[in-house]
Amino acid sequence: MSVPLDRFSGHAADYARYRIDYPGELYDYLLTYVPGRQAAWDCATGNGQAAVSLANYFEQIEATDLSERQLASAIQRPNITYQVATAEAAPFADESFDLVTVGQALHWFDVPAFHAEVQRVLKPKGIIAEWGYGLNEVNAPIDALVRFIYNEVVGPFWDPQRRHIENEYQNLPFEFADVKQTRVTARREWLVEWYMNYLRTWSAVQAFRKQHGYDPIDQFDSDFRRLWGPNHREVRFPIFLRLGRKK
């Protein structure tokens, strides 16, 4: 089993503030396949983006992450229990959950080991849902600048696992029944400062900063402000999702 990777504890507060939550359309889609509403496990919950939404639908949410600092920033709800745990060693009894979710984190896991745990903890006919999102879209000039930063500036600092986001998990195993796939779009209205702070949450930006001692986004500050202007712009995050049923 590979060693669990933690790329986000060092900037947990910024991650909690600037990372997106997920649109209602995503939950509406996956919940049509979930047979029960008693319990769900949100694995690698981070600061609880998905757990908080799921808490509106389920009696109890168990939310785990390997980062204590991420969990310290999580939004509290009466029916959410947060605890430190890895994806590959879930502290739950067999057949505990109607649904298991993992958003924007599967590529960090030992996937076969995680899926073995999912098969164990899901109830009969329970559902696993996994999703992620790649590069966002604003407009052609801003998108071109972001892709330059992504590929040329911080490109060498992306972990190899990043390729699984780029190919939408197509090369990661998914040995479940009744597999479904869909895409939805998260839309946000942001000022340029908020957008640049979102870019600073990228793991590759954090790795660049650690090695070089400065923030690579800072050198593009004037470019972003010129291209963005003083007003809000819509930022679109294309989300891919796959789900399956326990065999």
Protein backbone atom coordinates (compact mmCIF):
# COMPACT_ATOMS: atom_id res chain seq x y z
CA MET A 1 0.00 0.00 0.00
CA SER A 2 1.32 3.44 -0.88
CA VAL A 3 1.91 6.10 1.77
CA PRO A 4 -1.03 8.52 2.06
CA LEU A 5 -0.26 11.93 0.57
CA ASP A 6 -1.14 15.21 2.28
CA ARG A 7 -0.62 18.23 0.02
CA PHE A 8 -3.03 20.65 1.71
CA SER A 9 -2.44 20.86 5.47
CA GLY A 10 0.08 23.67 5.01
CA HIS A 11 -2.57 26.00 3.60
CA ALA A 12 -5.72 24.55 5.12
CA ALA A 13 -7.32 27.91 5.95
CA ASP A 14 -6.90 29.22 2.39
CA TYR A 15 -8.13 25.93 1.00
CA ALA A 16 -11.27 26.18 3.13
CA ARG A 17 -11.91 29.74 2.00
CA TYR A 18 -11.12 29.67 -1.71
CA ARG A 19 -11.89 26.14 -2.91
CA ILE A 20 -15.32 25.63 -4.44
CA ASP A 21 -18.20 23.62 -3.09
CA TYR A 22 -20.28 21.61 -5.55
CA PRO A 23 -23.54 22.49 -7.30
CA GLY A 24 -26.90 21.09 -6.29
CA GLU A 25 -27.16 19.51 -9.73
CA LEU A 26 -24.39 17.07 -8.78
CA TYR A 27 -26.19 15.89 -5.65
CA ASP A 28 -29.55 15.75 -7.40
CA TYR A 29 -28.03 13.41 -9.97
CA LEU A 30 -26.24 11.00 -7.66
CA LEU A 31 -29.05 10.85 -5.07
CA THR A 32 -31.46 9.48 -7.66
CA TYR A 33 -29.43 6.25 -7.45
CA VAL A 34 -29.02 6.02 -3.66
CA PRO A 35 -31.59 3.66 -2.09
CA GLY A 36 -31.45 4.97 1.50
CA ARG A 37 -30.89 8.19 3.43
CA GLN A 38 -29.56 6.94 6.77
CA ALA A 39 -25.78 7.34 6.52
CA ALA A 40 -23.09 8.54 4.12
CA TRP A 41 -19.30 8.60 4.31
CA ASP A 42 -17.52 11.55 2.71
CA CYS A 43 -13.93 10.39 2.31
CA ALA A 44 -11.09 12.94 2.11
CA THR A 45 -13.61 15.57 3.14
CA GLY A 46 -11.03 18.36 3.44
CA ASN A 47 -12.92 21.17 5.11
CA GLY A 48 -16.27 19.50 4.55
CA GLN A 49 -17.47 21.00 1.26
CA ALA A 50 -19.38 17.87 0.26
CA ALA A 51 -20.19 16.71 3.78
CA VAL A 52 -22.14 19.88 4.55
CA SER A 53 -24.27 19.48 1.43
CA LEU A 54 -24.86 15.79 2.09
CA ALA A 55 -25.97 16.62 5.65
CA ASN A 56 -29.12 18.10 4.13
CA TYR A 57 -30.14 14.69 2.81
CA PHE A 58 -28.85 12.07 5.26
CA GLU A 59 -29.50 11.39 8.93
CA GLN A 60 -25.77 11.01 9.64
CA ILE A 61 -22.58 11.93 7.80
CA GLU A 62 -19.20 10.45 8.67
CA ALA A 63 -16.48 12.65 7.19
CA THR A 64 -12.81 11.65 7.24
CA ASP A 65 -9.53 13.18 6.15
CA LEU A 66 -5.89 12.45 6.88
CA SER A 67 -5.25 16.13 7.67
CA GLU A 68 -6.09 17.36 11.16
CA ARG A 69 -5.56 20.93 9.99
CA GLN A 70 -8.07 20.56 7.19
CA LEU A 71 -10.64 19.15 9.60
CA ALA A 72 -10.01 22.03 12.00
CA SER A 73 -11.37 24.34 9.29
CA ALA A 74 -14.42 22.19 8.57
CA ILE A 75 -17.95 23.58 8.86
CA GLN A 76 -19.80 22.00 11.75
CA ARG A 77 -23.27 20.48 11.53
CA PRO A 78 -25.11 18.46 14.20
CA ASN A 79 -25.30 15.38 12.00
CA ILE A 80 -21.66 15.43 10.76
CA THR A 81 -18.89 13.61 12.61
CA TYR A 82 -15.37 14.49 11.50
CA GLN A 83 -12.38 12.30 12.26
CA VAL A 84 -8.84 11.69 11.04
CA ALA A 85 -8.56 8.53 8.93
CA THR A 86 -7.10 7.37 5.66
CA ALA A 87 -9.18 6.27 2.70
CA GLU A 88 -7.62 2.82 2.77
CA ALA A 89 -8.39 2.01 6.44
CA ALA A 90 -11.88 3.20 7.25
CA PRO A 91 -12.85 3.09 10.96
CA PHE A 92 -16.35 1.86 10.18
CA ALA A 93 -18.29 -1.37 10.52
CA ASP A 94 -19.27 -3.51 7.56
CA GLU A 95 -22.37 -2.44 5.62
CA SER A 96 -22.68 0.93 7.38
CA PHE A 97 -23.42 3.34 4.53
CA ASP A 98 -25.98 4.04 1.84
CA LEU A 99 -23.47 6.26 0.01
CA VAL A 100 -19.72 6.85 -0.10
CA THR A 101 -18.40 10.00 -1.77
CA VAL A 102 -14.97 11.36 -2.64
CA GLY A 103 -14.59 14.74 -4.31
CA GLN A 104 -11.36 15.91 -5.96
CA ALA A 105 -9.21 13.45 -4.01
CA LEU A 106 -9.36 9.95 -5.50
CA HIS A 107 -6.11 10.46 -7.41
CA TRP A 108 -4.21 10.68 -4.08
CA PHE A 109 -5.40 7.24 -2.92
CA ASP A 110 -4.30 3.67 -3.22
CA VAL A 111 -7.41 3.14 -5.30
CA PRO A 112 -7.76 -0.68 -5.12
CA ALA A 113 -7.35 -0.56 -1.33
CA PHE A 114 -9.90 2.24 -1.04
CA HIS A 115 -12.39 0.44 -3.24
CA ALA A 116 -12.02 -2.70 -1.14
CA GLU A 117 -13.00 -0.61 1.87
CA VAL A 118 -15.93 0.87 -0.03
CA GLN A 119 -17.21 -2.60 -0.92
CA ARG A 120 -16.92 -3.54 2.74
CA VAL A 121 -18.66 -0.54 4.30
CA LEU A 122 -21.45 -0.03 1.75
CA LYS A 123 -24.82 -1.54 2.45
CA PRO A 124 -26.25 -3.92 -0.16
CA LYS A 125 -27.09 -1.85 -3.25
CA GLY A 126 -25.19 1.13 -1.77
CA ILE A 127 -23.59 3.69 -4.08
CA ILE A 128 -20.05 5.02 -4.52
CA ALA A 129 -19.70 8.43 -6.19
CA GLU A 130 -16.35 9.90 -7.22
CA TRP A 131 -15.84 13.25 -8.90
CA GLY A 132 -13.23 15.87 -9.72
CA TYR A 133 -12.57 18.96 -11.79
CA GLY A 134 -9.70 20.17 -13.91
CA LEU A 135 -8.84 23.64 -15.15
CA ASN A 136 -11.53 26.25 -14.84
CA GLU A 137 -12.71 28.54 -17.64
CA VAL A 138 -13.24 32.32 -17.65
CA ASN A 139 -12.52 33.67 -21.15
CA ALA A 140 -9.90 33.03 -23.83
CA PRO A 141 -7.18 35.49 -22.67
CA ILE A 142 -7.44 34.56 -18.99
CA ASP A 143 -7.65 30.86 -19.79
CA ALA A 144 -4.49 31.11 -21.90
CA LEU A 145 -2.61 32.79 -19.05
CA VAL A 146 -3.78 30.19 -16.55
CA ARG A 147 -2.72 27.35 -18.84
CA PHE A 148 0.70 28.95 -19.23
CA ILE A 149 1.08 29.06 -15.45
CA TYR A 150 -0.27 25.51 -15.13
CA ASN A 151 2.03 23.99 -17.74
CA GLU A 152 5.13 26.17 -17.93
CA VAL A 153 5.53 27.88 -14.56
CA VAL A 154 4.37 25.29 -12.02
CA GLY A 155 4.14 22.33 -14.42
CA PRO A 156 7.19 20.51 -12.97
CA PHE A 157 5.69 20.79 -9.48
CA TRP A 158 2.51 18.83 -10.12
CA ASP A 159 2.49 15.38 -8.58
CA PRO A 160 2.33 12.53 -11.10
CA GLN A 161 -1.17 11.74 -9.84
CA ARG A 162 -2.42 14.95 -11.40
CA ARG A 163 -2.66 13.16 -14.75
CA HIS A 164 -5.69 11.29 -13.41
CA ILE A 165 -7.59 14.55 -13.07
CA GLU A 166 -6.60 15.51 -16.60
CA ASN A 167 -7.96 12.24 -18.01
CA GLU A 168 -11.02 12.26 -15.73
CA TYR A 169 -10.10 9.07 -13.83
CA GLN A 170 -10.38 6.97 -16.99
CA ASN A 171 -7.23 5.02 -16.05
CA LEU A 172 -8.22 4.41 -12.44
CA PRO A 173 -10.06 1.15 -11.71
CA PHE A 174 -13.77 1.16 -10.89
CA GLU A 175 -15.00 -2.36 -10.22
CA PHE A 176 -18.60 -1.60 -9.35
CA ALA A 177 -21.96 -2.46 -10.86
CA ASP A 178 -24.36 -0.28 -12.87
CA VAL A 179 -21.72 2.36 -13.62
CA LYS A 180 -22.96 5.82 -14.58
CA GLN A 181 -21.05 8.94 -15.65
CA THR A 182 -22.05 12.55 -16.07
CA ARG A 183 -20.68 16.10 -16.16
CA VAL A 184 -21.94 19.23 -14.44
CA THR A 185 -20.60 22.77 -14.17
CA ALA A 186 -19.98 24.79 -11.01
CA ARG A 187 -20.29 28.53 -11.64
CA ARG A 188 -18.91 31.25 -9.41
CA GLU A 189 -18.84 35.05 -9.66
CA TRP A 190 -15.41 36.20 -8.47
CA LEU A 191 -13.28 39.31 -8.33
CA VAL A 192 -9.71 38.98 -9.54
CA GLU A 193 -8.26 38.89 -6.00
CA TRP A 194 -10.41 35.90 -5.10
CA TYR A 195 -9.47 34.14 -8.32
CA MET A 196 -5.74 34.58 -7.75
CA ASN A 197 -6.13 33.31 -4.20
CA TYR A 198 -7.88 30.24 -5.57
CA LEU A 199 -4.89 29.62 -7.86
CA ARG A 200 -2.63 29.85 -4.81
CA THR A 201 -4.37 26.78 -3.36
CA TRP A 202 -3.02 24.60 -6.18
CA SER A 203 -0.64 22.00 -4.75
CA ALA A 204 1.89 22.80 -7.48
CA VAL A 205 1.85 26.50 -6.59
CA GLN A 206 2.50 25.60 -2.96
CA ALA A 207 5.36 23.29 -3.96
CA PHE A 208 6.88 26.00 -6.20
CA ARG A 209 6.67 28.50 -3.35
CA LYS A 210 8.30 26.10 -0.91
CA GLN A 211 11.26 25.49 -3.24
CA HIS A 212 11.79 29.02 -4.60
CA GLY A 213 10.69 31.12 -1.64
CA TYR A 214 8.17 33.28 -3.47
CA ASP A 215 4.62 33.04 -4.77
CA PRO A 216 4.58 32.39 -8.55
CA ILE A 217 1.12 33.97 -8.88
CA ASP A 218 2.50 37.34 -7.71
CA GLN A 219 4.52 37.83 -10.89
CA PHE A 220 1.30 37.71 -12.93
CA ASP A 221 -0.67 40.10 -10.72
CA SER A 222 -0.71 42.97 -13.22
CA ASP A 223 -1.60 40.63 -16.10
CA PHE A 224 -4.58 39.21 -14.23
CA ARG A 225 -5.82 42.65 -13.18
CA ARG A 226 -5.53 43.99 -16.73
CA LEU A 227 -7.36 41.03 -18.26
CA TRP A 228 -9.97 40.73 -15.52
CA GLY A 229 -10.91 44.33 -14.88
CA PRO A 230 -12.54 45.68 -11.69
CA ASN A 231 -15.77 43.69 -11.82
CA HIS A 232 -16.88 40.17 -11.04
CA ARG A 233 -16.44 37.55 -13.74
CA GLU A 234 -18.03 34.14 -14.04
CA VAL A 235 -15.61 31.26 -13.37
CA ARG A 236 -16.74 27.86 -14.61
CA PHE A 237 -15.48 24.58 -13.17
CA PRO A 238 -16.28 21.54 -15.35
CA ILE A 239 -16.90 18.61 -13.00
CA PHE A 240 -16.81 14.96 -14.03
CA LEU A 241 -18.52 12.28 -11.95
CA ARG A 242 -18.73 8.52 -11.97
CA LEU A 243 -20.83 6.35 -9.70
CA GLY A 244 -21.49 2.67 -9.24
CA ARG A 245 -23.35 0.23 -7.07
CA LYS A 246 -21.90 -2.28 -4.63
CA LYS A 247 -21.57 -5.67 -6.26
